Structures are given as C-alpha cells and as structure tokens.
Protein backbone atom coordinates (compact mmCIF):
# COMPACT_ATOMS: atom_id res chain seq x y z
CA UNK A 1 14.60 2.69 -10.84
CA UNK A 2 17.04 0.89 -13.12
CA UNK A 3 15.14 -0.88 -15.94
CA UNK A 4 17.91 -3.47 -16.39
CA UNK A 5 17.55 -5.06 -12.95
CA UNK A 6 17.20 -8.82 -12.89
CA UNK A 7 13.95 -10.24 -11.44
CA UNK A 8 15.84 -11.12 -8.23
CA UNK A 9 17.23 -7.56 -7.92
CA UNK A 10 13.83 -6.03 -8.62
CA UNK A 11 12.18 -8.27 -6.02
CA UNK A 12 14.85 -7.35 -3.45
CA UNK A 13 14.16 -3.68 -4.18
CA UNK A 14 10.38 -4.14 -3.84
CA UNK A 15 10.82 -5.98 -0.53
CA UNK A 16 13.07 -3.34 1.04
CA UNK A 17 11.55 -0.21 -0.51
CA UNK A 18 7.85 -1.11 -0.32
CA UNK A 19 7.02 -4.21 1.74
CA UNK A 20 9.21 -3.16 4.67
CA UNK A 21 8.07 0.46 4.34
CA UNK A 22 4.33 -0.37 4.39
CA UNK A 23 4.92 -2.47 7.52
CA UNK A 24 6.46 0.62 9.17
CA UNK A 25 3.92 3.13 7.88
CA UNK A 26 0.59 1.52 8.69
CA UNK A 27 0.85 0.99 12.48
CA UNK A 28 1.85 4.64 12.96
CA UNK A 29 -0.89 5.89 10.61
CA UNK A 30 -3.48 3.81 12.49
CA UNK A 31 -2.25 5.22 15.81
CA UNK A 32 -2.44 8.81 14.52
CA UNK A 33 -5.88 8.25 12.96
CA UNK A 34 -7.23 6.87 16.26
CA UNK A 35 -5.90 9.94 18.07
CA UNK A 36 -7.46 12.36 15.58
CA UNK A 37 -10.78 10.50 15.74
CA UNK A 38 -10.76 10.49 19.58
CA UNK A 39 -9.94 14.18 19.90
CA UNK A 40 -11.83 15.61 16.90
CA UNK A 41 -14.63 13.05 16.37
CA UNK A 42 -17.29 15.76 16.48
CA UNK A 43 -15.57 17.99 13.91
CA UNK A 44 -17.34 18.12 10.52
CA UNK A 45 -14.20 17.13 8.64
CA UNK A 46 -12.97 14.47 11.06
CA UNK A 47 -12.13 11.29 9.12
CA UNK A 48 -14.29 9.08 11.35
CA UNK A 49 -13.76 5.43 10.43
CA UNK A 50 -10.28 6.07 9.00
CA UNK A 51 -8.40 4.11 11.68
CA UNK A 52 -10.60 1.04 11.11
CA UNK A 53 -10.23 1.41 7.33
CA UNK A 54 -6.43 1.62 7.69
CA UNK A 55 -6.49 -1.45 9.93
CA UNK A 56 -8.45 -3.33 7.25
CA UNK A 57 -5.96 -2.15 4.62
CA UNK A 58 -3.08 -3.30 6.83
CA UNK A 59 -4.57 -6.80 7.15
CA UNK A 60 -5.28 -7.06 3.41
CA UNK A 61 -1.85 -5.74 2.47
CA UNK A 62 -0.05 -7.99 4.94
CA UNK A 63 -1.81 -11.08 3.57
CA UNK A 64 -1.06 -9.96 0.02
CA UNK A 65 2.63 -9.29 0.71
CA UNK A 66 3.04 -12.66 2.45
CA UNK A 67 1.61 -14.45 -0.61
CA UNK A 68 4.10 -12.60 -2.78
CA UNK A 69 7.00 -13.31 -0.44
CA UNK A 70 6.22 -16.98 0.17
CA UNK A 71 4.76 -18.09 -3.19
CA UNK A 72 5.08 -15.72 -6.15
CA UNK A 73 8.48 -14.12 -5.64
CA UNK A 74 10.29 -17.46 -5.11
CA UNK A 75 8.76 -18.71 -8.40
CA UNK A 76 9.93 -15.59 -10.23
CA UNK A 77 13.40 -15.77 -8.67
CA UNK A 78 13.71 -19.33 -10.01
CA UNK A 79 12.84 -18.08 -13.51
CA UNK A 80 9.41 -19.74 -13.51
CA UNK A 81 7.51 -16.62 -14.60
CA UNK A 82 5.49 -18.38 -17.30
CA UNK A 83 4.24 -20.91 -14.72
CA UNK A 84 3.25 -18.04 -12.41
CA UNK A 85 0.35 -16.81 -14.54
CA UNK A 86 -2.36 -17.80 -12.06
CA UNK A 87 -0.67 -16.30 -8.96
CA UNK A 88 0.10 -13.14 -10.95
CA UNK A 89 -3.57 -12.86 -11.92
CA UNK A 90 -4.58 -13.13 -8.25
CA UNK A 91 -2.02 -10.46 -7.26
CA UNK A 92 -3.33 -8.10 -9.98
CA UNK A 93 -6.89 -8.55 -8.69
CA UNK A 94 -5.71 -7.78 -5.16
CA UNK A 95 -3.85 -4.72 -6.48
CA UNK A 96 -7.19 -3.52 -7.91
CA UNK A 97 -8.73 -4.01 -4.46
CA UNK A 98 -5.91 -1.98 -2.90
CA UNK A 99 -6.73 0.76 -5.41
CA UNK A 100 -10.37 0.69 -4.29
CA UNK A 101 -9.23 0.94 -0.66
CA UNK A 102 -7.17 4.02 -1.60
CA UNK A 103 -10.28 5.56 -3.19
CA UNK A 104 -12.17 5.01 0.07
CA UNK A 105 -9.23 6.56 1.96
CA UNK A 106 -9.53 9.64 -0.29
CA UNK A 107 -13.26 9.87 0.40
CA UNK A 108 -12.77 9.64 4.17
CA UNK A 109 -10.08 12.34 4.16
CA UNK A 110 -11.40 14.86 1.62
CA UNK A 111 -8.66 13.81 -0.82
CA UNK A 112 -6.14 13.79 2.06
CA UNK A 113 -6.71 17.50 2.65
CA UNK A 114 -6.63 18.60 6.28
CA UNK A 115 -9.15 21.25 7.25
CA UNK A 116 -8.17 24.83 8.01
CA UNK A 117 -6.59 25.03 11.46
CA UNK A 118 -6.00 21.29 11.81
CA UNK A 119 -3.77 20.31 14.73
CA UNK A 120 -0.22 18.99 14.32
CA UNK A 121 -1.33 15.36 14.77
CA UNK A 122 -3.97 15.70 12.04
CA UNK A 123 -1.49 17.35 9.64
CA UNK A 124 1.16 14.70 10.43
CA UNK A 125 -1.41 11.97 9.78
CA UNK A 126 -2.32 13.44 6.39
CA UNK A 127 1.33 13.89 5.36
CA UNK A 128 1.87 10.23 6.24
CA UNK A 129 -1.25 9.19 4.33
CA UNK A 130 -0.07 11.08 1.26
CA UNK A 131 3.31 9.35 1.42
CA UNK A 132 1.67 5.94 1.98
CA UNK A 133 -0.67 6.45 -0.99
CA UNK A 134 2.20 7.45 -3.29
CA UNK A 135 4.32 4.50 -2.09
CA UNK A 136 1.48 2.02 -2.59
CA UNK A 137 0.69 3.34 -6.09
CA UNK A 138 4.38 3.15 -7.09
CA UNK A 139 4.61 -0.34 -5.55
CA UNK A 140 1.59 -1.60 -7.52
CA UNK A 141 2.86 0.00 -10.74
CA UNK A 142 6.29 -1.58 -10.37
CA UNK A 143 4.82 -5.04 -9.83
CA UNK A 144 2.03 -4.87 -12.42
CA UNK A 145 3.85 -3.03 -15.19
CA UNK A 146 7.45 -4.16 -14.76
CA UNK A 147 7.89 -7.31 -12.66
CA UNK A 148 4.78 -9.18 -13.84
CA UNK A 149 5.02 -8.07 -17.48
CA UNK A 150 8.67 -9.20 -17.63
CA UNK A 151 7.87 -12.48 -15.86
CA UNK A 152 5.17 -13.37 -18.40
CA UNK A 153 7.18 -12.23 -21.46
C-alpha cells in the first residue's frame, strides 16, 4: 500500500479491494456455513449458528459500507475531512462492532480451526473465513489509521 496516495486514490483502493471483495465473500461463506451446519449439525465442533452470524455481519457491513460510499467518502474526496469528524466517529464505533463480530466468529469456529477429518466443504469454509477476517482487519486498519487520521489532520 503506497503511503503517498491521495484521499481519492485511497478511497478507490478501499472500494475495489475491500468493499467489492466483502460483497463477494459473504454470500459464499453463508452458503458454505449453511451446508456445513445442515450436514454436520450434530458434530461436537460444528459451528452451529455461524451462517446466521455471517448473515448478520453481512447486513451490518453492507449498511456500514453504504454510509461510507454515500456520505463519508464523498466528503473526504471533496477535501472536507475536518467537517467529517462526526461521521468518522460513527464509522470508528461501527468498526469496533465489526471487531466484536469477528471475536464471536472466532468463538463459533474454535479460532477458525477445522476439526480433524473435516470434509472439503468445512475446510473450504474455514479457509474463506480466515481470508475474510484478514481482509476485514486490514480494511478497518486502513480506514481508521490512514484514511481517517489523514482526513482529520
């Protein structure tokens, strides 16, 4: 990630690398989680409730990203970062909530560790969850610690 990107370039990167990616990731993860829960629901390590949790995360994240895309990012692209203090504060609070949702995801999935002998679908789900978690953490870091800090400077 180039530290000399303009706010507009950084926002374009965030939109294509993270917003678009999360919109691709979550429907497939939800589908895989439902399959694992249907087939292995009685297994001790089955992440029962994961599909519903991912669906909740998808709704929260979609609402959050729309607020950024429709309200905050246009302000920042117009160089109005100092006037964006209140929306930035709301986004940071929501980022904290996303972090809590990731903690719950870790609890449901034994730290995203598939049990011994897990089927291909279960292993694919957990690989996807690991990638989603890393993407979301990088996404939040980039906004909180680069985009927002620069906007308020």
